[in-house]
Protein backbone atom coordinates (compact mmCIF):
# COMPACT_ATOMS: atom_id res chain seq x y z
CA MET A 1 75.47 28.92 131.99
CA ARG A 2 75.26 32.18 134.18
CA THR A 3 78.99 31.23 134.44
CA LEU A 4 79.24 30.80 130.48
CA ARG A 5 77.44 34.36 129.97
CA ARG A 6 80.15 35.62 132.76
CA VAL A 7 82.73 34.43 130.64
CA LEU A 8 81.91 35.92 127.41
CA TRP A 9 80.71 39.21 128.51
CA SER A 10 83.92 39.59 130.51
CA GLY A 11 85.76 38.82 127.44
CA VAL A 12 83.54 41.40 124.87
CA ALA A 13 84.00 44.01 128.18
CA ALA A 14 88.06 43.35 127.93
CA ILE A 15 87.78 43.50 124.02
CA ALA A 16 86.20 46.96 123.76
CA LEU A 17 88.93 48.10 126.73
CA VAL A 18 91.84 47.10 124.46
CA GLY A 19 90.41 48.99 121.57
CA LEU A 20 89.54 51.87 123.12
CA ALA A 21 92.71 51.85 124.49
CA ALA A 22 94.31 51.94 121.53
CA LEU A 23 92.46 54.77 119.46
CA PRO A 24 94.66 57.63 121.39
CA ALA A 25 98.26 55.61 120.00
CA HIS A 26 96.78 55.09 116.61
CA ALA A 27 95.32 59.12 116.40
CA GLN A 28 99.09 60.08 117.53
CA ALA A 29 100.80 58.47 114.50
CA LYS A 30 98.81 60.64 112.26
CA VAL A 31 100.88 63.85 111.46
CA LYS A 32 100.17 66.14 109.28
CA HIS A 33 103.73 68.28 109.28
CA LYS A 34 107.31 67.80 109.47
CA TYR A 35 110.21 69.86 110.59
CA TYR A 36 113.17 70.74 108.61
CA VAL A 37 116.35 72.86 109.78
CA VAL A 38 116.68 74.84 106.91
CA SER A 39 116.05 78.50 105.14
CA GLY A 40 112.68 79.32 104.16
CA ASP A 41 113.91 80.48 101.06
CA ARG A 42 115.76 77.32 100.23
CA ALA A 43 112.52 75.06 101.54
CA VAL A 44 110.21 76.98 99.01
CA SER A 45 112.30 76.63 95.86
CA VAL A 46 112.99 72.94 97.15
CA THR A 47 108.98 72.82 96.90
CA ARG A 48 108.60 74.87 93.99
CA THR A 49 111.24 72.09 92.04
CA VAL A 50 109.19 69.64 92.91
CA LEU A 51 105.73 70.46 92.59
CA ILE A 52 106.59 71.45 89.13
CA ARG A 53 108.21 67.76 88.65
CA ARG A 54 105.32 66.14 89.53
CA GLY A 55 102.85 68.27 87.04
CA TYR A 56 101.87 70.74 89.61
CA ARG A 57 101.94 74.96 88.41
CA VAL A 58 102.92 76.92 90.70
CA VAL A 59 100.74 79.89 90.80
CA ARG A 60 102.01 82.42 93.59
CA VAL A 61 104.11 82.24 96.36
CA GLU A 62 102.91 84.62 99.48
CA ARG A 63 104.98 85.98 102.30
CA VAL A 64 102.92 86.79 105.25
CA GLY A 65 106.17 87.52 107.73
CA PRO A 66 108.11 84.45 108.72
CA THR A 67 105.51 82.45 106.81
CA ARG A 68 105.04 81.59 103.46
CA VAL A 69 101.91 80.35 101.53
CA VAL A 70 102.45 78.43 98.74
CA TYR A 71 99.64 78.14 95.75
CA TYR A 72 99.23 75.30 93.05
CA ARG A 73 96.97 73.61 90.85
CA LEU A 74 97.56 70.29 88.66
CA GLY A 75 98.30 70.22 84.98
CA ARG A 76 98.41 73.36 83.01
CA GLY A 77 96.37 75.42 85.76
CA ARG A 78 92.90 73.62 85.26
CA GLY A 79 92.65 71.94 89.13
CA PRO A 80 91.69 73.23 92.09
CA LEU A 81 93.78 76.00 93.74
CA GLN A 82 95.87 73.91 96.48
CA ARG A 83 98.17 75.90 99.16
CA MET A 84 100.80 74.69 100.89
CA VAL A 85 101.71 76.49 104.16
CA ILE A 86 105.71 76.51 104.75
CA ARG A 87 106.28 78.06 108.53
CA THR A 88 109.54 79.52 110.14
CA VAL A 89 109.71 78.26 113.78
CA ARG A 90 113.00 78.89 115.58
CA ASP A 91 114.88 78.02 112.91
CA GLN A 92 113.40 75.32 111.56
CA VAL A 93 111.25 75.17 108.53
CA LEU A 94 107.37 73.53 109.27
CA PHE A 95 105.39 72.14 106.09
CA GLU A 96 102.02 72.30 106.65
CA ASP A 97 98.62 71.34 103.90
CA ALA A 98 100.84 69.24 102.47
CA GLU A 99 99.93 66.37 100.31
CA PRO A 100 101.63 63.25 101.78
CA SER A 101 103.28 62.43 98.45
CA VAL A 102 104.72 65.92 97.50
CA LEU A 103 105.82 66.06 101.36
CA VAL A 104 107.88 62.83 100.48
CA ASP A 105 109.81 64.13 97.52
CA ILE A 106 110.31 67.36 99.44
CA ASP A 107 111.79 65.22 102.01
CA ILE A 108 113.74 63.75 99.83
CA HIS A 109 115.33 66.74 98.68
CA LEU A 110 115.55 68.73 101.57
CA ASN A 111 117.78 65.71 103.08
CA ARG A 112 120.31 65.67 99.89
């Protein structure tokens, strides 16, 4: 009976350790931004085109130094105001706060 209990607890401990070891790897897989080697103007142009094709209305594009912030709404301007940050870092463009489905379309258009 003691050996059965010891084997059972050893199995539970091994499963718990394997589960904890997998947590950091799972968290690292969730990337919220992606780098592109294009100009900032081209990135804004492609972003605007993709958003309009997906049914969004681009409200405004603000330029803050090398960073551009694109504000947009769904439909005819009735949806909540959303934003996407396009940051230029060492000849690379970084998209932040972008919806994953929109980022996929931007990725397709930028890699043409």
